[in-house]
Amino acid sequence: MPRPRPAVLAAASALALAGPLLLSVSPAAAAPAPAAAPLSGQRPATVEEAQRQFEARTPQRYRDQDLAWSPCSSAQIGLLNSLVVGLECARVAMPRDWDAPEEGEPLQVTISRLPQAGPRPERTIITNPGGPGGAGLTLATLPSMAPALAGTEVIGLDVRGTGASSSLTCGDDLLAAASAAPDYRDRSPEALALAAESVRAGAEACADDPLADVVNTRQTVFDVDLVRDALDRDTIDWVGYSGGTWLGTQFATHLPGRVGRFVLDSTVDATAGYQEVFSYQPMAFQRRFEQDFAPWVAAGNAAYGLGATGEEVTTTYERLRASLAARPIGVPGLTVDGTLLDSLVLQAMYGKAQFPQAAWLLSAVQVVDALRGGGVPVPAGLTARVGDLARALSPVEPSAAGKQQATFAATTCGDSAWTRDQAYWDALGDEQGARYPLLGYAQSQQVCAYWDRPDLTLPVVDGADLPPLLIVQSRHDPATAYEGAVRTHEALGSSVMITVEDEGDHGLYGAGNPCVDDAVSTFLTTGAAPAQDLTCRGTGLPPVAGGGAESLLAKVLRTARGAASV
């Protein structure tokens, strides 16, 4: 996801994922795709070979673990999820470094489930919410969103580095460095130099983190395999969203003999390195904004007052963004400036359900801007509403933000190579910003340009020895662009792709599209994939103006507009 200010860093929820943070490049200049790396022995295409390799790399003390399930605590699942009841958690000890599994103190990876009465289900689905680095324990409640899975064991997982698992400690330093960086639309030499120093400081802080070199996808693949063993399964099923598709495809590439029914929802381009993966984001976010959000806001111009056409809405946005960059709106505990406005609106692009909040936020900001421009006092209630809407678009707990940020950086910076020339990134920010202003200018601020990578090369995702996999993708997904999903589909010869037309939501299964839910649930419960690629229709955009509290806001805005015109 785009990097918000620390006070309102957006959460990675189960189905509206906080995707990659300000990391994107132009495809033509991207780092090369990762070359094939030798695995520990022949790639295990059978359960028998996979078991031999598992026993060879996994010390006996880790293979003899018994899971001790107990109710998940609020500390494990977070206060924001305190209403989630019934979840049980267990911890699985992991080697600190799978390349030296006998060395170092064990790490702990926390998993979750909803206990079920009666005989244990025959299959287990392991889930991942993406990020990378999103906390995933509450995703064990997936059956509540996909009732067809009620008879299936669904496991949530906090990967190493984040959440209730052994965590990186440099996240707060990364957040502080991000906060110290100037507005990425300031292209002055002084601002660019300060931005470079800020991201360098974040990377250097993480270089001293004792876990930084062992939080990456390869380590996590073998963690997941040990979780599989602790659950006493020969194979696992998988539902991965966003960055969870990258992890899922790497697990399948490392260990095809362990692959059951794999669902890749909102798919990262698994054929390239992360620098190229993120090359799609500025274009994809701008497309979502201009082709979905802005016309929708224009259709509600009578309520929102932001423009009668999509082009007018885009122009209004840029005007308000520039105004906030020059004169932020201060609310208790929060400063709404131009950078934060970008982050909040970009966050809203992940799911159309957030469009009304984003539209009302822009409408409220416009009224504040008009009042201030006319020298009229701004009502305290209106300023407070700006703060409420801003926080509603970014509901993360500060205690979780640093862990997620650090795990995201360690994984994306460590998995594949990045260009390390700051002049390249500054030039790219100029180029991308001119074309895709919502996110393009941010390309100058790349922590991965200063990251000390471990000696790691992931294998090429080639689809060899795999059963059918199911890819689910919306046409206008802003965080994992459709173009990247197509490349993954082409590389995975056994995959079937569900394309959702007239849709841009990020994270589709379990979100209420009957066509998607029926096809994916059938695959997960019976193993029957669609006979060929499938097209589903989107569920449509929300009404342009809500009721209840939002209609009350409309009254406040009309009153304020009247005051501004006096």
Protein backbone atom coordinates (compact mmCIF):
# COMPACT_ATOMS: atom_id res chain seq x y z
CA MET A 1 0.00 0.00 0.00
CA PRO A 2 1.14 3.61 -0.28
CA ARG A 3 2.97 4.70 2.84
CA PRO A 4 0.68 6.68 5.16
CA ARG A 5 1.88 8.80 8.02
CA PRO A 6 2.57 6.63 11.10
CA ALA A 7 -0.43 7.92 13.05
CA VAL A 8 -2.83 6.31 10.63
CA LEU A 9 -0.85 3.56 8.91
CA ALA A 10 -3.37 1.40 7.10
CA ALA A 11 -3.98 -2.15 8.22
CA ALA A 12 -3.76 -5.31 6.15
CA SER A 13 -7.17 -6.76 6.72
CA ALA A 14 -8.25 -10.13 5.45
CA LEU A 15 -9.92 -8.99 2.27
CA ALA A 16 -8.98 -5.33 1.77
CA LEU A 17 -5.31 -5.78 1.92
CA ALA A 18 -2.74 -3.18 2.59
CA GLY A 19 -0.54 -3.88 -0.35
CA PRO A 20 2.98 -2.77 -1.26
CA LEU A 21 4.35 0.45 0.19
CA LEU A 22 5.67 3.01 -2.29
CA LEU A 23 7.75 0.57 -4.28
CA SER A 24 7.46 0.74 -8.03
CA VAL A 25 9.60 1.06 -11.11
CA SER A 26 9.22 1.31 -14.83
CA PRO A 27 9.18 -2.17 -16.40
CA ALA A 28 11.78 -1.28 -18.99
CA ALA A 29 14.33 -0.38 -16.34
CA ALA A 30 13.44 -3.07 -13.83
CA ALA A 31 15.88 -5.50 -12.30
CA PRO A 32 16.02 -8.83 -14.13
CA ALA A 33 13.74 -11.66 -13.08
CA PRO A 34 15.34 -13.97 -10.51
CA ALA A 35 17.37 -16.80 -11.96
CA ALA A 36 16.72 -20.37 -10.99
CA ALA A 37 18.43 -21.38 -7.77
CA PRO A 38 19.31 -24.91 -6.75
CA LEU A 39 16.92 -26.29 -4.18
CA SER A 40 17.91 -28.67 -1.43
CA GLY A 41 18.04 -31.69 -3.71
CA GLN A 42 15.70 -32.40 -6.59
CA ARG A 43 12.48 -30.43 -6.59
CA PRO A 44 10.17 -32.82 -4.75
CA ALA A 45 7.27 -33.61 -7.05
CA THR A 46 5.95 -36.42 -4.86
CA VAL A 47 4.92 -36.58 -1.24
CA GLU A 48 7.52 -39.29 -0.62
CA GLU A 49 10.39 -37.20 -1.95
CA ALA A 50 9.11 -34.11 -0.17
CA GLN A 51 9.04 -36.05 3.09
CA ARG A 52 12.62 -37.24 2.63
CA GLN A 53 13.78 -33.68 2.06
CA PHE A 54 11.73 -32.39 4.99
CA GLU A 55 13.33 -34.88 7.37
CA ALA A 56 16.78 -34.11 6.00
CA ARG A 57 16.53 -30.35 6.59
CA THR A 58 14.42 -30.36 9.78
CA PRO A 59 16.02 -31.34 13.10
CA GLN A 60 14.14 -33.95 15.09
CA ARG A 61 13.21 -31.55 17.89
CA TYR A 62 11.15 -29.48 15.44
CA ARG A 63 9.50 -32.55 13.93
CA ASP A 64 8.36 -33.83 17.32
CA GLN A 65 6.25 -30.80 18.28
CA ASP A 66 2.76 -31.15 19.67
CA LEU A 67 0.49 -28.16 19.15
CA ALA A 68 -0.93 -26.64 22.34
CA TRP A 69 -4.11 -24.84 21.34
CA SER A 70 -5.63 -22.21 23.64
CA PRO A 71 -7.93 -19.20 23.17
CA CYS A 72 -6.22 -16.39 21.27
CA SER A 73 -5.52 -13.34 23.39
CA SER A 74 -6.21 -9.77 22.40
CA ALA A 75 -2.44 -9.27 22.37
CA GLN A 76 -2.19 -11.94 19.68
CA ILE A 77 -5.05 -10.86 17.41
CA GLY A 78 -5.04 -7.13 18.23
CA LEU A 79 -7.50 -4.89 19.99
CA LEU A 80 -9.18 -3.97 16.71
CA ASN A 81 -10.11 -7.65 16.34
CA SER A 82 -11.23 -8.09 19.94
CA LEU A 83 -14.78 -8.86 18.79
CA VAL A 84 -13.54 -11.94 16.94
CA VAL A 85 -14.51 -14.74 19.33
CA GLY A 86 -13.70 -18.40 19.44
CA LEU A 87 -10.31 -18.37 17.77
CA GLU A 88 -7.67 -20.68 19.19
CA CYS A 89 -3.95 -20.04 18.78
CA ALA A 90 -0.86 -22.22 18.95
CA ARG A 91 2.84 -21.56 18.51
CA VAL A 92 5.17 -23.56 16.30
CA ALA A 93 8.91 -23.42 16.96
CA MET A 94 11.03 -22.80 13.86
CA PRO A 95 14.76 -22.85 13.17
CA ARG A 96 16.05 -19.31 13.14
CA ASP A 97 17.74 -19.97 9.80
CA TRP A 98 16.72 -22.86 7.58
CA ASP A 99 20.18 -22.81 6.02
CA ALA A 100 21.66 -23.62 9.45
CA PRO A 101 18.70 -25.22 11.27
CA GLU A 102 20.69 -26.49 14.27
CA GLU A 103 22.09 -23.06 15.07
CA GLY A 104 20.59 -20.17 17.03
CA GLU A 105 17.58 -19.83 19.25
CA PRO A 106 14.29 -21.06 17.74
CA LEU A 107 11.78 -18.57 16.42
CA GLN A 108 8.07 -18.84 17.12
CA VAL A 109 5.35 -18.71 14.46
CA THR A 110 1.77 -18.34 15.67
CA ILE A 111 -1.16 -20.02 13.93
CA SER A 112 -4.91 -19.94 14.56
CA ARG A 113 -8.08 -21.93 13.95
CA LEU A 114 -11.76 -22.07 14.81
CA PRO A 115 -12.29 -25.28 16.78
CA GLN A 116 -14.83 -27.66 15.29
CA ALA A 117 -16.95 -30.37 16.88
CA GLY A 118 -16.86 -33.92 15.58
CA PRO A 119 -14.23 -35.69 13.50
CA ARG A 120 -11.39 -33.60 12.14
CA PRO A 121 -11.99 -32.42 8.55
CA GLU A 122 -10.10 -34.26 5.85
CA ARG A 123 -8.33 -31.18 4.46
CA THR A 124 -6.58 -28.09 5.80
CA ILE A 125 -6.47 -24.67 4.16
CA ILE A 126 -3.62 -22.40 5.22
CA THR A 127 -4.34 -18.73 4.56
CA ASN A 128 -2.25 -15.63 4.09
CA PRO A 129 -3.52 -12.02 3.87
CA GLY A 130 -0.53 -10.65 1.96
CA GLY A 131 1.44 -7.52 2.60
CA PRO A 132 3.95 -9.15 2.70
CA GLY A 133 3.87 -8.96 6.46
CA GLY A 134 0.17 -8.72 7.11
CA ALA A 135 -0.96 -10.31 10.36
CA GLY A 136 -3.19 -13.23 9.41
CA LEU A 137 -4.59 -14.92 12.50
CA THR A 138 -8.12 -13.62 12.00
CA LEU A 139 -8.21 -15.07 8.48
CA ALA A 140 -9.03 -18.39 10.14
CA THR A 141 -12.57 -16.98 10.25
CA LEU A 142 -12.78 -17.28 6.45
CA PRO A 143 -15.74 -19.71 6.70
CA SER A 144 -17.84 -16.83 8.03
CA MET A 145 -17.29 -15.10 4.69
CA ALA A 146 -17.37 -18.29 2.61
CA PRO A 147 -19.92 -20.57 4.32
CA ALA A 148 -19.12 -23.47 1.99
CA LEU A 149 -15.89 -23.89 3.97
CA ALA A 150 -17.75 -24.59 7.23
CA GLY A 151 -16.61 -28.22 7.14
CA THR A 152 -12.98 -27.43 6.32
CA GLU A 153 -10.13 -26.75 8.70
CA VAL A 154 -8.91 -23.21 8.01
CA ILE A 155 -5.65 -22.01 9.54
CA GLY A 156 -4.57 -18.41 10.04
CA LEU A 157 -0.88 -17.58 10.15
CA ASP A 158 1.36 -14.75 11.28
CA VAL A 159 4.53 -15.27 9.27
CA ARG A 160 7.92 -14.79 10.88
CA GLY A 161 8.65 -11.13 11.48
CA THR A 162 5.13 -9.90 12.16
CA GLY A 163 2.08 -10.07 14.37
CA ALA A 164 2.16 -12.58 17.23
CA SER A 165 5.16 -14.42 15.78
CA SER A 166 8.83 -13.66 16.43
CA SER A 167 9.07 -10.12 15.16
CA LEU A 168 11.50 -7.70 13.67
CA THR A 169 12.37 -4.79 15.94
CA CYS A 170 13.24 -2.07 13.42
CA GLY A 171 9.69 -1.22 12.35
CA ASP A 172 9.41 1.92 14.46
CA ASP A 173 12.69 3.15 12.97
CA LEU A 174 11.30 2.60 9.48
CA LEU A 175 8.14 4.49 10.38
CA ALA A 176 10.14 7.34 11.87
CA ALA A 177 12.30 7.52 8.76
CA ALA A 178 9.19 7.58 6.55
CA SER A 179 7.68 10.34 8.67
CA ALA A 180 10.86 12.40 8.39
CA ALA A 181 10.84 12.25 4.60
CA PRO A 182 9.46 15.37 2.88
CA ASP A 183 6.48 15.42 0.55
CA TYR A 184 7.48 13.28 -2.42
CA ARG A 185 5.92 15.81 -4.78
CA ASP A 186 8.52 18.35 -3.69
CA ARG A 187 11.13 17.87 -6.43
CA SER A 188 13.63 20.43 -5.19
CA PRO A 189 17.21 19.13 -4.83
CA GLU A 190 17.05 19.77 -1.10
CA ALA A 191 13.86 17.74 -0.66
CA LEU A 192 15.16 14.86 -2.78
CA ALA A 193 18.38 14.74 -0.78
CA LEU A 194 16.48 14.73 2.52
CA ALA A 195 14.18 11.99 1.25
CA ALA A 196 17.16 9.84 0.26
CA GLU A 197 18.73 10.29 3.68
CA SER A 198 15.47 9.37 5.37
CA VAL A 199 15.03 6.08 3.55
CA ARG A 200 18.73 5.33 3.98
CA ALA A 201 18.33 5.81 7.74
CA GLY A 202 15.44 3.34 7.79
CA ALA A 203 17.41 0.72 5.89
CA GLU A 204 20.46 1.17 8.13
CA ALA A 205 18.34 0.77 11.26
CA CYS A 206 17.05 -2.54 9.94
CA ALA A 207 20.54 -3.70 9.02
CA ASP A 208 21.18 -4.00 12.77
CA ASP A 209 18.00 -6.01 13.40
CA PRO A 210 19.00 -9.57 14.35
CA LEU A 211 16.24 -11.08 12.22
CA ALA A 212 16.55 -8.91 9.12
CA ASP A 213 18.57 -11.48 7.18
CA VAL A 214 16.19 -14.37 7.91
CA VAL A 215 12.82 -12.73 7.22
CA ASN A 216 12.20 -13.51 3.57
CA THR A 217 10.05 -15.73 1.40
CA ARG A 218 12.43 -18.69 1.25
CA GLN A 219 12.57 -18.95 5.04
CA THR A 220 8.79 -18.58 5.26
CA VAL A 221 8.20 -21.33 2.67
CA PHE A 222 9.96 -23.81 4.93
CA ASP A 223 8.12 -22.38 7.97
CA VAL A 224 4.82 -23.14 6.25
CA ASP A 225 6.03 -26.67 5.51
CA LEU A 226 6.82 -27.19 9.18
CA VAL A 227 3.35 -25.88 10.09
CA ARG A 228 1.98 -28.46 7.66
CA ASP A 229 3.90 -31.18 9.48
CA ALA A 230 2.74 -29.93 12.89
CA LEU A 231 -0.83 -30.16 11.58
CA ASP A 232 -0.12 -33.75 10.48
CA ARG A 233 -0.97 -33.20 6.81
CA ASP A 234 0.85 -34.59 3.77
CA THR A 235 -0.37 -31.70 1.61
CA ILE A 236 -2.02 -28.36 2.25
CA ASP A 237 -4.59 -26.25 0.48
CA TRP A 238 -3.91 -22.52 0.23
CA VAL A 239 -5.88 -19.28 0.03
CA GLY A 240 -3.46 -16.39 -0.41
CA TYR A 241 -4.39 -12.79 -1.10
CA SER A 242 -2.11 -10.21 -2.71
CA GLY A 243 1.40 -10.80 -1.34
CA GLY A 244 0.08 -14.19 -0.21
CA THR A 245 0.00 -15.17 -3.88
CA TRP A 246 3.76 -14.57 -4.13
CA LEU A 247 4.29 -16.78 -1.08
CA GLY A 248 1.87 -19.37 -2.44
CA THR A 249 3.56 -19.61 -5.81
CA GLN A 250 6.99 -19.86 -4.20
CA PHE A 251 5.78 -22.62 -1.87
CA ALA A 252 4.38 -24.47 -4.88
CA THR A 253 7.64 -23.99 -6.80
CA HIS A 254 9.82 -25.14 -3.92
CA LEU A 255 7.57 -28.03 -2.85
CA PRO A 256 5.15 -29.10 -5.60
CA GLY A 257 4.59 -32.45 -3.90
CA ARG A 258 2.94 -30.67 -0.95
CA VAL A 259 0.48 -28.71 -3.08
CA GLY A 260 -3.22 -29.43 -2.75
CA ARG A 261 -5.82 -26.91 -3.88
CA PHE A 262 -4.21 -23.48 -4.21
CA VAL A 263 -6.13 -20.23 -4.69
CA LEU A 264 -4.22 -17.09 -5.67
CA ASP A 265 -6.47 -14.07 -5.16
CA SER A 266 -5.40 -10.63 -6.47
CA THR A 267 -2.21 -11.97 -7.88
CA VAL A 268 1.27 -10.55 -7.75
CA ASP A 269 3.32 -11.06 -10.91
CA ALA A 270 5.16 -14.15 -9.69
CA THR A 271 7.44 -14.31 -12.75
CA ALA A 272 9.62 -11.32 -11.87
CA GLY A 273 11.57 -9.73 -9.05
CA TYR A 274 9.84 -7.37 -6.66
CA GLN A 275 11.28 -4.29 -8.34
CA GLU A 276 9.40 -5.22 -11.49
CA VAL A 277 6.36 -6.48 -9.56
CA PHE A 278 5.77 -2.97 -8.26
CA SER A 279 6.29 -1.38 -11.67
CA TYR A 280 2.57 -1.71 -12.30
CA GLN A 281 1.35 0.16 -9.25
CA PRO A 282 1.44 3.85 -10.24
CA MET A 283 -0.40 3.05 -13.46
CA ALA A 284 -2.88 0.72 -11.75
CA PHE A 285 -3.76 3.10 -8.92
CA GLN A 286 -4.18 6.00 -11.34
CA ARG A 287 -6.39 3.83 -13.55
CA ARG A 288 -8.58 2.84 -10.61
CA PHE A 289 -8.90 6.49 -9.53
CA GLU A 290 -9.62 7.95 -12.96
CA GLN A 291 -11.78 5.19 -14.46
CA ASP A 292 -13.73 4.00 -11.39
CA PHE A 293 -13.60 6.45 -8.50
CA ALA A 294 -13.66 9.86 -10.19
CA PRO A 295 -16.65 9.11 -12.49
CA TRP A 296 -18.50 7.62 -9.51
CA VAL A 297 -17.87 10.78 -7.46
CA ALA A 298 -18.98 12.91 -10.41
CA ALA A 299 -22.27 11.01 -10.56
CA GLY A 300 -22.87 12.15 -6.98
CA ASN A 301 -21.83 15.74 -7.54
CA ALA A 302 -25.04 17.03 -5.98
CA ALA A 303 -23.92 15.49 -2.68
CA TYR A 304 -20.14 15.67 -2.86
CA GLY A 305 -19.66 18.88 -4.84
CA LEU A 306 -16.32 17.78 -6.30
CA GLY A 307 -17.08 18.04 -10.01
CA ALA A 308 -19.66 17.03 -12.60
CA THR A 309 -17.25 14.88 -14.65
CA GLY A 310 -14.42 12.53 -13.82
CA GLU A 311 -11.95 15.04 -15.23
CA GLU A 312 -13.34 17.79 -12.99
CA VAL A 313 -13.07 15.51 -9.94
CA THR A 314 -9.43 14.76 -10.78
CA THR A 315 -8.71 18.48 -11.16
CA THR A 316 -10.41 19.20 -7.83
CA TYR A 317 -8.37 16.51 -6.15
CA GLU A 318 -5.10 17.94 -7.40
CA ARG A 319 -6.14 21.42 -6.25
CA LEU A 320 -7.04 20.20 -2.76
CA ARG A 321 -3.87 18.14 -2.55
CA ALA A 322 -1.75 21.20 -3.38
CA SER A 323 -3.65 23.28 -0.84
CA LEU A 324 -3.04 20.75 1.93
CA ALA A 325 0.63 20.54 1.03
CA ALA A 326 0.87 24.29 1.62
CA ARG A 327 -1.48 24.45 4.59
CA PRO A 328 -2.33 21.16 6.34
CA ILE A 329 -5.42 20.64 8.43
CA GLY A 330 -4.58 19.88 12.04
CA VAL A 331 -6.88 17.56 13.98
CA PRO A 332 -6.22 15.96 17.38
CA GLY A 333 -3.34 13.52 16.99
CA LEU A 334 -3.18 13.92 13.22
CA THR A 335 -2.04 16.30 10.52
CA VAL A 336 -3.86 15.96 7.21
CA ASP A 337 -1.33 17.14 4.64
CA GLY A 338 -0.90 16.42 0.95
CA THR A 339 1.02 13.20 1.48
CA LEU A 340 -1.54 11.82 3.88
CA LEU A 341 -4.38 12.75 1.54
CA ASP A 342 -2.71 10.71 -1.20
CA SER A 343 -2.31 7.79 1.18
CA LEU A 344 -5.93 7.88 2.33
CA VAL A 345 -7.36 8.09 -1.16
CA LEU A 346 -5.02 5.38 -2.42
CA GLN A 347 -6.12 3.18 0.48
CA ALA A 348 -9.74 3.72 -0.56
CA MET A 349 -8.94 2.43 -4.04
CA TYR A 350 -8.47 -1.09 -2.64
CA GLY A 351 -12.21 -1.56 -2.13
CA LYS A 352 -15.25 0.26 -3.51
CA ALA A 353 -16.90 0.06 -0.10
CA GLN A 354 -14.49 2.83 0.94
CA PHE A 355 -15.43 5.14 -1.94
CA PRO A 356 -18.12 7.00 0.07
CA GLN A 357 -15.73 7.70 2.95
CA ALA A 358 -13.10 8.99 0.54
CA ALA A 359 -15.63 11.17 -1.28
CA TRP A 360 -16.95 12.66 1.96
CA LEU A 361 -13.39 13.26 3.13
CA LEU A 362 -12.57 15.18 -0.04
CA SER A 363 -15.85 17.09 0.23
CA ALA A 364 -15.10 18.05 3.83
CA VAL A 365 -11.54 19.08 2.94
CA GLN A 366 -12.92 21.22 0.12
CA VAL A 367 -15.27 23.02 2.51
CA VAL A 368 -12.45 23.63 5.00
CA ASP A 369 -10.31 24.93 2.16
CA ALA A 370 -13.09 27.28 1.00
CA LEU A 371 -13.74 28.58 4.49
CA ARG A 372 -10.07 29.23 5.15
CA GLY A 373 -9.68 30.88 1.75
CA GLY A 374 -12.56 33.22 2.54
CA GLY A 375 -11.34 34.01 6.01
CA VAL A 376 -14.34 32.29 7.61
CA PRO A 377 -13.79 30.34 10.86
CA VAL A 378 -13.93 26.59 10.37
CA PRO A 379 -16.50 24.88 12.63
CA ALA A 380 -14.82 22.53 15.09
CA GLY A 381 -17.27 19.79 14.17
CA LEU A 382 -16.19 19.93 10.54
CA THR A 383 -12.51 19.68 11.43
CA ALA A 384 -13.27 16.76 13.73
CA ARG A 385 -15.17 15.06 10.91
CA VAL A 386 -12.12 15.35 8.66
CA GLY A 387 -10.13 13.54 11.35
CA ASP A 388 -12.80 10.87 11.81
CA LEU A 389 -12.95 10.14 8.09
CA ALA A 390 -9.18 10.05 7.82
CA ARG A 391 -8.89 7.52 10.63
CA ALA A 392 -11.73 5.44 9.23
CA LEU A 393 -9.75 4.97 6.03
CA SER A 394 -6.70 3.75 7.98
CA PRO A 395 -7.80 1.59 10.93
CA VAL A 396 -4.49 0.15 12.08
CA GLU A 397 -3.14 -0.36 15.56
CA PRO A 398 0.17 1.44 16.09
CA SER A 399 1.53 -1.66 17.85
CA ALA A 400 1.10 -3.66 14.63
CA ALA A 401 2.21 -1.01 12.15
CA GLY A 402 5.95 -1.27 12.77
CA LYS A 403 6.02 -5.06 12.57
CA GLN A 404 4.14 -5.07 9.28
CA GLN A 405 6.30 -2.31 7.82
CA ALA A 406 9.51 -4.08 8.79
CA THR A 407 8.42 -7.49 7.51
CA PHE A 408 7.24 -5.91 4.28
CA ALA A 409 10.60 -4.22 3.74
CA ALA A 410 12.71 -7.23 4.74
CA THR A 411 10.78 -9.49 2.40
CA THR A 412 10.43 -7.28 -0.65
CA CYS A 413 13.95 -5.86 -0.39
CA GLY A 414 15.53 -9.23 0.36
CA ASP A 415 13.76 -11.56 -2.05
CA SER A 416 15.21 -10.04 -5.24
CA ALA A 417 17.67 -7.41 -6.47
CA TRP A 418 17.00 -3.67 -6.56
CA THR A 419 18.67 -0.80 -8.39
CA ARG A 420 20.89 1.03 -5.90
CA ASP A 421 21.41 4.33 -7.74
CA GLN A 422 19.47 7.19 -6.12
CA ALA A 423 19.76 9.29 -9.28
CA TYR A 424 17.86 6.56 -11.10
CA TRP A 425 15.04 6.65 -8.56
CA ASP A 426 14.82 10.45 -8.59
CA ALA A 427 14.56 10.45 -12.37
CA LEU A 428 11.97 7.70 -12.25
CA GLY A 429 9.93 9.69 -9.72
CA ASP A 430 9.90 12.64 -12.11
CA GLU A 431 8.84 10.43 -15.02
CA GLN A 432 6.21 8.41 -13.17
CA GLY A 433 4.87 11.42 -11.30
CA ALA A 434 4.16 13.30 -14.49
CA ARG A 435 2.12 10.34 -15.78
CA TYR A 436 0.62 8.98 -12.57
CA PRO A 437 0.68 11.74 -9.94
CA LEU A 438 -1.19 9.82 -7.23
CA LEU A 439 1.74 7.49 -6.63
CA GLY A 440 4.37 8.12 -9.27
CA TYR A 441 6.38 10.83 -7.50
CA ALA A 442 6.84 8.52 -4.52
CA GLN A 443 9.17 6.31 -6.54
CA SER A 444 12.07 8.49 -5.43
CA GLN A 445 11.76 7.18 -1.86
CA GLN A 446 12.95 3.56 -2.07
CA VAL A 447 14.23 1.93 1.10
CA CYS A 448 15.20 -1.14 -0.96
CA ALA A 449 17.84 0.94 -2.75
CA TYR A 450 19.80 0.90 0.53
CA TRP A 451 18.91 -2.53 1.89
CA ASP A 452 21.64 -5.10 2.65
CA ARG A 453 20.21 -8.20 0.99
CA PRO A 454 20.95 -11.73 2.17
CA ASP A 455 22.57 -14.13 -0.29
CA LEU A 456 19.27 -15.29 -1.73
CA THR A 457 17.95 -16.20 -5.17
CA LEU A 458 14.44 -17.54 -5.43
CA PRO A 459 13.62 -20.15 -8.07
CA VAL A 460 11.77 -19.16 -11.22
CA VAL A 461 8.05 -19.86 -11.02
CA ASP A 462 7.49 -22.22 -13.95
CA GLY A 463 4.44 -24.29 -13.01
CA ALA A 464 6.25 -27.62 -13.28
CA ASP A 465 4.70 -30.67 -11.55
CA LEU A 466 1.72 -28.76 -10.22
CA PRO A 467 -1.97 -29.70 -10.02
CA PRO A 468 -4.59 -27.11 -11.06
CA LEU A 469 -4.33 -23.73 -9.32
CA LEU A 470 -7.00 -21.06 -9.33
CA ILE A 471 -6.16 -17.39 -10.00
CA VAL A 472 -8.77 -14.72 -9.17
CA GLN A 473 -8.28 -11.18 -10.46
CA SER A 474 -10.30 -8.00 -11.03
CA ARG A 475 -9.61 -5.89 -14.11
CA HIS A 476 -8.89 -2.66 -12.25
CA ASP A 477 -7.11 -3.99 -9.17
CA PRO A 478 -4.87 -1.07 -8.11
CA ALA A 479 -2.30 -2.91 -5.99
CA THR A 480 -1.73 -6.07 -8.04
CA ALA A 481 -2.46 -5.04 -11.57
CA TYR A 482 -4.30 -7.33 -13.97
CA GLU A 483 -1.32 -7.35 -16.33
CA GLY A 484 0.86 -9.04 -13.72
CA ALA A 485 -1.78 -11.65 -12.97
CA VAL A 486 -1.90 -12.56 -16.65
CA ARG A 487 1.84 -13.13 -16.65
CA THR A 488 1.55 -15.42 -13.65
CA HIS A 489 -1.31 -17.31 -15.33
CA GLU A 490 0.79 -17.81 -18.44
CA ALA A 491 3.72 -19.11 -16.38
CA LEU A 492 1.60 -21.56 -14.39
CA GLY A 493 0.48 -23.94 -17.09
CA SER A 494 -1.94 -25.79 -14.83
CA SER A 495 -3.69 -22.64 -13.63
CA VAL A 496 -7.22 -21.50 -14.39
CA MET A 497 -7.97 -17.78 -14.21
CA ILE A 498 -11.18 -16.10 -13.04
CA THR A 499 -11.33 -12.54 -14.37
CA VAL A 500 -13.83 -10.23 -12.72
CA GLU A 501 -14.97 -7.57 -15.18
CA ASP A 502 -16.27 -4.13 -14.20
CA GLU A 503 -14.47 -4.54 -10.90
CA GLY A 504 -11.39 -3.13 -9.20
CA ASP A 505 -11.54 -4.51 -5.68
CA HIS A 506 -8.39 -6.06 -4.24
CA GLY A 507 -9.25 -9.34 -2.50
CA LEU A 508 -12.33 -11.01 -3.98
CA TYR A 509 -13.01 -14.45 -2.49
CA GLY A 510 -15.40 -14.20 0.43
CA ALA A 511 -16.28 -10.58 -0.37
CA GLY A 512 -19.75 -11.27 -1.70
CA ASN A 513 -19.43 -11.91 -5.44
CA PRO A 514 -21.57 -15.06 -5.95
CA CYS A 515 -19.82 -16.07 -9.18
CA VAL A 516 -16.37 -15.89 -7.57
CA ASP A 517 -17.46 -17.44 -4.28
CA ASP A 518 -19.20 -20.38 -5.96
CA ALA A 519 -16.29 -21.20 -8.26
CA VAL A 520 -13.61 -20.89 -5.57
CA SER A 521 -15.62 -22.74 -2.91
CA THR A 522 -16.34 -25.57 -5.33
CA PHE A 523 -12.64 -25.86 -6.10
CA LEU A 524 -11.65 -25.85 -2.43
CA THR A 525 -14.31 -28.31 -1.29
CA THR A 526 -14.35 -30.73 -4.24
CA GLY A 527 -11.13 -30.11 -6.16
CA ALA A 528 -13.09 -29.32 -9.33
CA ALA A 529 -11.67 -26.26 -11.05
CA PRO A 530 -13.53 -24.55 -13.89
CA ALA A 531 -12.93 -26.39 -17.16
CA GLN A 532 -11.50 -23.23 -18.71
CA ASP A 533 -10.82 -19.62 -17.81
CA LEU A 534 -13.92 -17.99 -16.38
CA THR A 535 -15.31 -14.48 -16.50
CA CYS A 536 -17.44 -13.11 -13.64
CA ARG A 537 -19.16 -9.76 -13.44
CA GLY A 538 -18.41 -7.29 -10.69
CA THR A 539 -20.96 -6.51 -8.02
CA GLY A 540 -21.29 -2.84 -8.92
CA LEU A 541 -20.26 0.37 -7.22
CA PRO A 542 -22.02 1.60 -4.07
CA PRO A 543 -24.67 4.34 -4.08
CA VAL A 544 -23.13 7.75 -4.52
CA ALA A 545 -24.44 9.02 -1.19
CA GLY A 546 -25.16 7.05 1.96
CA GLY A 547 -27.71 7.58 4.66
CA GLY A 548 -27.66 7.94 8.40
CA ALA A 549 -24.54 9.63 9.70
CA GLU A 550 -23.40 10.52 6.18
CA SER A 551 -26.62 12.39 5.40
CA LEU A 552 -26.01 14.33 8.61
CA LEU A 553 -22.57 15.16 7.28
CA ALA A 554 -24.18 16.39 4.09
CA LYS A 555 -26.22 18.85 6.17
CA VAL A 556 -23.07 20.05 7.95
CA LEU A 557 -21.34 20.55 4.62
CA ARG A 558 -24.28 22.47 3.15
CA THR A 559 -24.31 24.76 6.18
CA ALA A 560 -20.57 25.32 5.92
CA ARG A 561 -20.82 25.98 2.19
CA GLY A 562 -23.46 28.58 2.92
CA ALA A 563 -21.18 30.24 5.43
CA ALA A 564 -18.33 30.20 2.94
CA SER A 565 -20.46 31.99 0.34
CA VAL A 566 -21.45 34.82 2.68
